[in-house]
Amino acid sequence: MDLNPEILLDLVRMEMPFGKYKGRALLDLPEPYLVWFAGAGFPPGKLGERLALLYEIKLNGLEAILEPLRAPGSPFGSR
C-alpha cells in the first residue's frame, strides 16, 4: 500500500459529515464509534477509507503519530 501523506492530513483536517459526531475531526472520533463502523460497515468512498484507516491506527494505539500534524506550530495544524 502506497500511503500518500495527504491521507494522514485528511484524518486531522476532515470532519465527520453526519451523525452524533457531525463536525468533529475524524482524529477526534472515539474508538468505540470506529469499532461500530468496523462491524456495521464503513461508508463508501473517501470517508469510509479514511475511517477504516483511522480504525486501524487507533486499534494499534498509533494515533499519537498524527498529533504533530495539528500542533499549533505545525504548518498543517490550522486550516
PDB file of N, CA and C in Angstrom:
ATOM      1  N   MET A   1       0.847  -1.188   0.000  1.00  0.00           N
ATOM      2  CA  MET A   1       0.000   0.000   0.000  1.00  0.00           C
ATOM      3  C   MET A   1       0.884   1.241   0.000  1.00  0.00           C
ATOM      4  N   ASP A   2       0.649   2.114  -0.949  1.00  0.00           N
ATOM      5  CA  ASP A   2       1.383   3.370  -1.060  1.00  0.00           C
ATOM      6  C   ASP A   2       0.604   4.421  -0.283  1.00  0.00           C
ATOM      7  N   LEU A   3       1.146   4.870   0.851  1.00  0.00           N
ATOM      8  CA  LEU A   3       0.435   5.803   1.710  1.00  0.00           C
ATOM      9  C   LEU A   3       0.833   7.236   1.393  1.00  0.00           C
ATOM     10  N   ASN A   4      -0.085   7.963   0.816  1.00  0.00           N
ATOM     11  CA  ASN A   4       0.089   9.365   0.478  1.00  0.00           C
ATOM     12  C   ASN A   4      -0.028  10.199   1.758  1.00  0.00           C
ATOM     13  N   PRO A   5       0.904  11.126   2.010  1.00  0.00           N
ATOM     14  CA  PRO A   5       0.823  11.950   3.223  1.00  0.00           C
ATOM     15  C   PRO A   5      -0.486  12.733   3.330  1.00  0.00           C
ATOM     16  N   GLU A   6      -1.099  13.061   2.202  1.00  0.00           N
ATOM     17  CA  GLU A   6      -2.377  13.785   2.229  1.00  0.00           C
ATOM     18  C   GLU A   6      -3.454  12.968   2.933  1.00  0.00           C
ATOM     19  N   ILE A   7      -3.361  11.666   2.856  1.00  0.00           N
ATOM     20  CA  ILE A   7      -4.340  10.809   3.522  1.00  0.00           C
ATOM     21  C   ILE A   7      -4.250  11.002   5.029  1.00  0.00           C
ATOM     22  N   LEU A   8      -3.039  11.069   5.564  1.00  0.00           N
ATOM     23  CA  LEU A   8      -2.872  11.290   7.001  1.00  0.00           C
ATOM     24  C   LEU A   8      -3.357  12.683   7.391  1.00  0.00           C
ATOM     25  N   LEU A   9      -3.107  13.668   6.538  1.00  0.00           N
ATOM     26  CA  LEU A   9      -3.596  15.021   6.819  1.00  0.00           C
ATOM     27  C   LEU A   9      -5.122  15.052   6.829  1.00  0.00           C
ATOM     28  N   ASP A  10      -5.747  14.251   5.973  1.00  0.00           N
ATOM     29  CA  ASP A  10      -7.208  14.181   5.972  1.00  0.00           C
ATOM     30  C   ASP A  10      -7.749  13.738   7.328  1.00  0.00           C
ATOM     31  N   LEU A  11      -7.050  12.838   7.997  1.00  0.00           N
ATOM     32  CA  LEU A  11      -7.516  12.357   9.299  1.00  0.00           C
ATOM     33  C   LEU A  11      -7.555  13.481  10.326  1.00  0.00           C
ATOM     34  N   VAL A  12      -6.703  14.467  10.146  1.00  0.00           N
ATOM     35  CA  VAL A  12      -6.636  15.613  11.054  1.00  0.00           C
ATOM     36  C   VAL A  12      -7.600  16.715  10.611  1.00  0.00           C
ATOM     37  N   ARG A  13      -7.724  16.906   9.313  1.00  0.00           N
ATOM     38  CA  ARG A  13      -8.494  18.029   8.772  1.00  0.00           C
ATOM     39  C   ARG A  13      -9.965  17.729   8.524  1.00  0.00           C
ATOM     40  N   MET A  14     -10.275  16.524   8.060  1.00  0.00           N
ATOM     41  CA  MET A  14     -11.664  16.197   7.699  1.00  0.00           C
ATOM     42  C   MET A  14     -12.553  16.146   8.936  1.00  0.00           C
ATOM     43  N   GLU A  15     -13.783  16.566   8.748  1.00  0.00           N
ATOM     44  CA  GLU A  15     -14.772  16.493   9.817  1.00  0.00           C
ATOM     45  C   GLU A  15     -15.815  15.440   9.474  1.00  0.00           C
ATOM     46  N   MET A  16     -16.346  14.819  10.498  1.00  0.00           N
ATOM     47  CA  MET A  16     -17.418  13.852  10.313  1.00  0.00           C
ATOM     48  C   MET A  16     -18.631  14.604   9.769  1.00  0.00           C
ATOM     49  N   PRO A  17     -19.170  14.181   8.619  1.00  0.00           N
ATOM     50  CA  PRO A  17     -20.237  14.952   7.987  1.00  0.00           C
ATOM     51  C   PRO A  17     -21.654  14.635   8.475  1.00  0.00           C
ATOM     52  N   PHE A  18     -21.802  13.632   9.326  1.00  0.00           N
ATOM     53  CA  PHE A  18     -23.152  13.256   9.760  1.00  0.00           C
ATOM     54  C   PHE A  18     -23.098  12.570  11.123  1.00  0.00           C
ATOM     55  N   GLY A  19     -24.270  12.370  11.699  1.00  0.00           N
ATOM     56  CA  GLY A  19     -24.403  11.586  12.918  1.00  0.00           C
ATOM     57  C   GLY A  19     -24.081  12.337  14.194  1.00  0.00           C
ATOM     58  N   LYS A  20     -23.968  11.572  15.237  1.00  0.00           N
ATOM     59  CA  LYS A  20     -23.738  12.099  16.584  1.00  0.00           C
ATOM     60  C   LYS A  20     -22.494  12.971  16.674  1.00  0.00           C
ATOM     61  N   TYR A  21     -21.487  12.646  15.884  1.00  0.00           N
ATOM     62  CA  TYR A  21     -20.210  13.369  15.943  1.00  0.00           C
ATOM     63  C   TYR A  21     -20.011  14.300  14.751  1.00  0.00           C
ATOM     64  N   LYS A  22     -21.094  14.733  14.140  1.00  0.00           N
ATOM     65  CA  LYS A  22     -21.025  15.652  12.999  1.00  0.00           C
ATOM     66  C   LYS A  22     -20.208  16.886  13.385  1.00  0.00           C
ATOM     67  N   GLY A  23     -19.262  17.258  12.514  1.00  0.00           N
ATOM     68  CA  GLY A  23     -18.433  18.430  12.751  1.00  0.00           C
ATOM     69  C   GLY A  23     -17.161  18.157  13.532  1.00  0.00           C
ATOM     70  N   ARG A  24     -17.017  16.977  14.079  1.00  0.00           N
ATOM     71  CA  ARG A  24     -15.814  16.629  14.845  1.00  0.00           C
ATOM     72  C   ARG A  24     -14.738  16.107  13.889  1.00  0.00           C
ATOM     73  N   ALA A  25     -13.499  16.509  14.115  1.00  0.00           N
ATOM     74  CA  ALA A  25     -12.390  15.999  13.295  1.00  0.00           C
ATOM     75  C   ALA A  25     -12.348  14.480  13.383  1.00  0.00           C
ATOM     76  N   LEU A  26     -12.054  13.826  12.272  1.00  0.00           N
ATOM     77  CA  LEU A  26     -12.019  12.361  12.273  1.00  0.00           C
ATOM     78  C   LEU A  26     -11.088  11.832  13.357  1.00  0.00           C
ATOM     79  N   LEU A  27      -9.950  12.453  13.530  1.00  0.00           N
ATOM     80  CA  LEU A  27      -8.996  12.004  14.542  1.00  0.00           C
ATOM     81  C   LEU A  27      -9.590  12.019  15.948  1.00  0.00           C
ATOM     82  N   ASP A  28     -10.565  12.887  16.174  1.00  0.00           N
ATOM     83  CA  ASP A  28     -11.170  13.017  17.496  1.00  0.00           C
ATOM     84  C   ASP A  28     -12.376  12.102  17.716  1.00  0.00           C
ATOM     85  N   LEU A  29     -12.691  11.284  16.728  1.00  0.00           N
ATOM     86  CA  LEU A  29     -13.801  10.342  16.914  1.00  0.00           C
ATOM     87  C   LEU A  29     -13.394   9.290  17.937  1.00  0.00           C
ATOM     88  N   PRO A  30     -14.310   8.922  18.830  1.00  0.00           N
ATOM     89  CA  PRO A  30     -13.964   7.912  19.832  1.00  0.00           C
ATOM     90  C   PRO A  30     -13.796   6.526  19.199  1.00  0.00           C
ATOM     91  N   GLU A  31     -12.895   5.770  19.754  1.00  0.00           N
ATOM     92  CA  GLU A  31     -12.613   4.435  19.224  1.00  0.00           C
ATOM     93  C   GLU A  31     -13.857   3.547  19.170  1.00  0.00           C
ATOM     94  N   PRO A  32     -14.739   3.557  20.194  1.00  0.00           N
ATOM     95  CA  PRO A  32     -15.934   2.699  20.091  1.00  0.00           C
ATOM     96  C   PRO A  32     -16.807   3.014  18.875  1.00  0.00           C
ATOM     97  N   TYR A  33     -16.834   4.260  18.451  1.00  0.00           N
ATOM     98  CA  TYR A  33     -17.582   4.644  17.257  1.00  0.00           C
ATOM     99  C   TYR A  33     -16.968   3.995  16.015  1.00  0.00           C
ATOM    100  N   LEU A  34     -15.640   3.986  15.959  1.00  0.00           N
ATOM    101  CA  LEU A  34     -14.947   3.360  14.839  1.00  0.00           C
ATOM    102  C   LEU A  34     -15.113   1.843  14.866  1.00  0.00           C
ATOM    103  N   VAL A  35     -15.129   1.272  16.054  1.00  0.00           N
ATOM    104  CA  VAL A  35     -15.354  -0.168  16.195  1.00  0.00           C
ATOM    105  C   VAL A  35     -16.753  -0.519  15.680  1.00  0.00           C
ATOM    106  N   TRP A  36     -17.729   0.345  15.992  1.00  0.00           N
ATOM    107  CA  TRP A  36     -19.081   0.116  15.497  1.00  0.00           C
ATOM    108  C   TRP A  36     -19.100   0.119  13.974  1.00  0.00           C
ATOM    109  N   PHE A  37     -18.436   1.109  13.357  1.00  0.00           N
ATOM    110  CA  PHE A  37     -18.367   1.162  11.902  1.00  0.00           C
ATOM    111  C   PHE A  37     -17.696  -0.089  11.345  1.00  0.00           C
ATOM    112  N   ALA A  38     -16.645  -0.556  12.009  1.00  0.00           N
ATOM    113  CA  ALA A  38     -15.940  -1.744  11.532  1.00  0.00           C
ATOM    114  C   ALA A  38     -16.881  -2.942  11.483  1.00  0.00           C
ATOM    115  N   GLY A  39     -17.798  -3.030  12.441  1.00  0.00           N
ATOM    116  CA  GLY A  39     -18.757  -4.131  12.456  1.00  0.00           C
ATOM    117  C   GLY A  39     -19.925  -3.928  11.511  1.00  0.00           C
ATOM    118  N   ALA A  40     -20.396  -2.685  11.414  1.00  0.00           N
ATOM    119  CA  ALA A  40     -21.580  -2.380  10.605  1.00  0.00           C
ATOM    120  C   ALA A  40     -21.232  -2.102   9.147  1.00  0.00           C
ATOM    121  N   GLY A  41     -19.992  -1.724   8.900  1.00  0.00           N
ATOM    122  CA  GLY A  41     -19.563  -1.371   7.552  1.00  0.00           C
ATOM    123  C   GLY A  41     -19.252   0.114   7.466  1.00  0.00           C
ATOM    124  N   PHE A  42     -18.100   0.423   6.925  1.00  0.00           N
ATOM    125  CA  PHE A  42     -17.705   1.808   6.737  1.00  0.00           C
ATOM    126  C   PHE A  42     -18.470   2.383   5.550  1.00  0.00           C
ATOM    127  N   PRO A  43     -18.740   3.694   5.567  1.00  0.00           N
ATOM    128  CA  PRO A  43     -19.424   4.294   4.424  1.00  0.00           C
ATOM    129  C   PRO A  43     -18.564   4.179   3.161  1.00  0.00           C
ATOM    130  N   PRO A  44     -19.183   4.257   2.009  1.00  0.00           N
ATOM    131  CA  PRO A  44     -18.406   4.161   0.769  1.00  0.00           C
ATOM    132  C   PRO A  44     -17.566   5.412   0.527  1.00  0.00           C
ATOM    133  N   GLY A  45     -16.595   5.267  -0.338  1.00  0.00           N
ATOM    134  CA  GLY A  45     -15.812   6.410  -0.784  1.00  0.00           C
ATOM    135  C   GLY A  45     -14.700   6.829   0.152  1.00  0.00           C
ATOM    136  N   LYS A  46     -14.279   8.078  -0.054  1.00  0.00           N
ATOM    137  CA  LYS A  46     -13.136   8.636   0.674  1.00  0.00           C
ATOM    138  C   LYS A  46     -13.356   8.607   2.181  1.00  0.00           C
ATOM    139  N   LEU A  47     -14.547   8.976   2.638  1.00  0.00           N
ATOM    140  CA  LEU A  47     -14.819   8.988   4.077  1.00  0.00           C
ATOM    141  C   LEU A  47     -14.634   7.599   4.667  1.00  0.00           C
ATOM    142  N   GLY A  48     -15.196   6.605   4.047  1.00  0.00           N
ATOM    143  CA  GLY A  48     -15.060   5.238   4.545  1.00  0.00           C
ATOM    144  C   GLY A  48     -13.629   4.759   4.572  1.00  0.00           C
ATOM    145  N   GLU A  49     -12.873   5.113   3.537  1.00  0.00           N
ATOM    146  CA  GLU A  49     -11.456   4.740   3.505  1.00  0.00           C
ATOM    147  C   GLU A  49     -10.695   5.382   4.651  1.00  0.00           C
ATOM    148  N   ARG A  50     -10.988   6.658   4.902  1.00  0.00           N
ATOM    149  CA  ARG A  50     -10.297   7.365   5.988  1.00  0.00           C
ATOM    150  C   ARG A  50     -10.702   6.792   7.352  1.00  0.00           C
ATOM    151  N   LEU A  51     -11.975   6.498   7.522  1.00  0.00           N
ATOM    152  CA  LEU A  51     -12.433   5.927   8.793  1.00  0.00           C
ATOM    153  C   LEU A  51     -11.823   4.546   9.031  1.00  0.00           C
ATOM    154  N   ALA A  52     -11.715   3.742   7.981  1.00  0.00           N
ATOM    155  CA  ALA A  52     -11.107   2.417   8.114  1.00  0.00           C
ATOM    156  C   ALA A  52      -9.635   2.530   8.504  1.00  0.00           C
ATOM    157  N   LEU A  53      -8.930   3.474   7.893  1.00  0.00           N
ATOM    158  CA  LEU A  53      -7.522   3.690   8.249  1.00  0.00           C
ATOM    159  C   LEU A  53      -7.405   4.166   9.687  1.00  0.00           C
ATOM    160  N   LEU A  54      -8.254   5.106  10.068  1.00  0.00           N
ATOM    161  CA  LEU A  54      -8.223   5.620  11.433  1.00  0.00           C
ATOM    162  C   LEU A  54      -8.536   4.518  12.440  1.00  0.00           C
ATOM    163  N   TYR A  55      -9.460   3.652  12.099  1.00  0.00           N
ATOM    164  CA  TYR A  55      -9.774   2.499  12.956  1.00  0.00           C
ATOM    165  C   TYR A  55      -8.515   1.673  13.215  1.00  0.00           C
ATOM    166  N   GLU A  56      -7.776   1.365  12.154  1.00  0.00           N
ATOM    167  CA  GLU A  56      -6.548   0.577  12.305  1.00  0.00           C
ATOM    168  C   GLU A  56      -5.503   1.329  13.130  1.00  0.00           C
ATOM    169  N   ILE A  57      -5.393   2.617  12.913  1.00  0.00           N
ATOM    170  CA  ILE A  57      -4.423   3.427  13.660  1.00  0.00           C
ATOM    171  C   ILE A  57      -4.770   3.422  15.139  1.00  0.00           C
ATOM    172  N   LYS A  58      -6.040   3.664  15.466  1.00  0.00           N
ATOM    173  CA  LYS A  58      -6.444   3.706  16.879  1.00  0.00           C
ATOM    174  C   LYS A  58      -6.403   2.322  17.513  1.00  0.00           C
ATOM    175  N   LEU A  59      -6.801   1.307  16.758  1.00  0.00           N
ATOM    176  CA  LEU A  59      -6.781  -0.063  17.266  1.00  0.00           C
ATOM    177  C   LEU A  59      -5.376  -0.462  17.716  1.00  0.00           C
ATOM    178  N   ASN A  60      -4.376   0.059  17.011  1.00  0.00           N
ATOM    179  CA  ASN A  60      -2.984  -0.270  17.321  1.00  0.00           C
ATOM    180  C   ASN A  60      -2.296   0.777  18.191  1.00  0.00           C
ATOM    181  N   GLY A  61      -3.080   1.736  18.717  1.00  0.00           N
ATOM    182  CA  GLY A  61      -2.539   2.729  19.638  1.00  0.00           C
ATOM    183  C   GLY A  61      -1.558   3.698  18.997  1.00  0.00           C
ATOM    184  N   LEU A  62      -1.755   4.008  17.725  1.00  0.00           N
ATOM    185  CA  LEU A  62      -0.793   4.837  16.996  1.00  0.00           C
ATOM    186  C   LEU A  62      -1.277   6.252  16.718  1.00  0.00           C
ATOM    187  N   GLU A  63      -2.397   6.663  17.307  1.00  0.00           N
ATOM    188  CA  GLU A  63      -2.923   7.999  16.978  1.00  0.00           C
ATOM    189  C   GLU A  63      -1.969   9.131  17.339  1.00  0.00           C
ATOM    190  N   ALA A  64      -1.044   8.894  18.246  1.00  0.00           N
ATOM    191  CA  ALA A  64      -0.072   9.925  18.624  1.00  0.00           C
ATOM    192  C   ALA A  64       0.805  10.345  17.446  1.00  0.00           C
ATOM    193  N   ILE A  65       0.956   9.482  16.450  1.00  0.00           N
ATOM    194  CA  ILE A  65       1.771   9.856  15.291  1.00  0.00           C
ATOM    195  C   ILE A  65       1.109  10.957  14.465  1.00  0.00           C
ATOM    196  N   LEU A  66      -0.198  11.141  14.643  1.00  0.00           N
ATOM    197  CA  LEU A  66      -0.920  12.167  13.888  1.00  0.00           C
ATOM    198  C   LEU A  66      -0.973  13.502  14.620  1.00  0.00           C
ATOM    199  N   GLU A  67      -0.762  13.504  15.908  1.00  0.00           N
ATOM    200  CA  GLU A  67      -0.871  14.738  16.699  1.00  0.00           C
ATOM    201  C   GLU A  67       0.032  15.869  16.200  1.00  0.00           C
ATOM    202  N   PRO A  68       1.285  15.585  15.804  1.00  0.00           N
ATOM    203  CA  PRO A  68       2.125  16.687  15.319  1.00  0.00           C
ATOM    204  C   PRO A  68       1.553  17.397  14.093  1.00  0.00           C
ATOM    205  N   LEU A  69       0.691  16.726  13.356  1.00  0.00           N
ATOM    206  CA  LEU A  69       0.110  17.330  12.161  1.00  0.00           C
ATOM    207  C   LEU A  69      -0.872  18.444  12.492  1.00  0.00           C
ATOM    208  N   ARG A  70      -1.371  18.464  13.701  1.00  0.00           N
ATOM    209  CA  ARG A  70      -2.303  19.530  14.080  1.00  0.00           C
ATOM    210  C   ARG A  70      -1.787  20.390  15.212  1.00  0.00           C
ATOM    211  N   ALA A  71      -0.530  20.209  15.577  1.00  0.00           N
ATOM    212  CA  ALA A  71       0.081  21.011  16.644  1.00  0.00           C
ATOM    213  C   ALA A  71       0.103  22.480  16.230  1.00  0.00           C
ATOM    214  N   PRO A  72       0.009  23.399  17.200  1.00  0.00           N
ATOM    215  CA  PRO A  72      -0.029  24.830  16.894  1.00  0.00           C
ATOM    216  C   PRO A  72       1.102  25.322  15.999  1.00  0.00           C
ATOM    217  N   GLY A  73       2.294  24.817  16.138  1.00  0.00           N
ATOM    218  CA  GLY A  73       3.419  25.271  15.335  1.00  0.00           C
ATOM    219  C   GLY A  73       3.546  24.565  13.990  1.00  0.00           C
ATOM    220  N   SER A  74       2.705  23.574  13.760  1.00  0.00           N
ATOM    221  CA  SER A  74       2.784  22.792  12.536  1.00  0.00           C
ATOM    222  C   SER A  74       2.221  23.564  11.347  1.00  0.00           C
ATOM    223  N   PRO A  75       2.860  23.439  10.182  1.00  0.00           N
ATOM    224  CA  PRO A  75       2.287  24.082   9.001  1.00  0.00           C
ATOM    225  C   PRO A  75       0.977  23.433   8.585  1.00  0.00           C
ATOM    226  N   PHE A  76       0.675  22.260   9.145  1.00  0.00           N
ATOM    227  CA  PHE A  76      -0.544  21.545   8.798  1.00  0.00           C
ATOM    228  C   PHE A  76      -1.630  21.725   9.844  1.00  0.00           C
ATOM    229  N   GLY A  77      -1.294  22.308  10.990  1.00  0.00           N
ATOM    230  CA  GLY A  77      -2.202  22.356  12.129  1.00  0.00           C
ATOM    231  C   GLY A  77      -3.434  23.208  11.961  1.00  0.00           C
ATOM    232  N   SER A  78      -3.345  24.265  11.224  1.00  0.00           N
ATOM    233  CA  SER A  78      -4.509  25.130  11.064  1.00  0.00           C
ATOM    234  C   SER A  78      -4.996  25.092   9.629  1.00  0.00           C
ATOM    235  N   ARG A  79      -6.259  25.376   9.476  1.00  0.00           N
ATOM    236  CA  ARG A  79      -6.838  25.370   8.136  1.00  0.00           C
ATOM    237  C   ARG A  79      -6.907  26.763   7.609  1.00  0.00           C
TER     238      ARG A  79
END
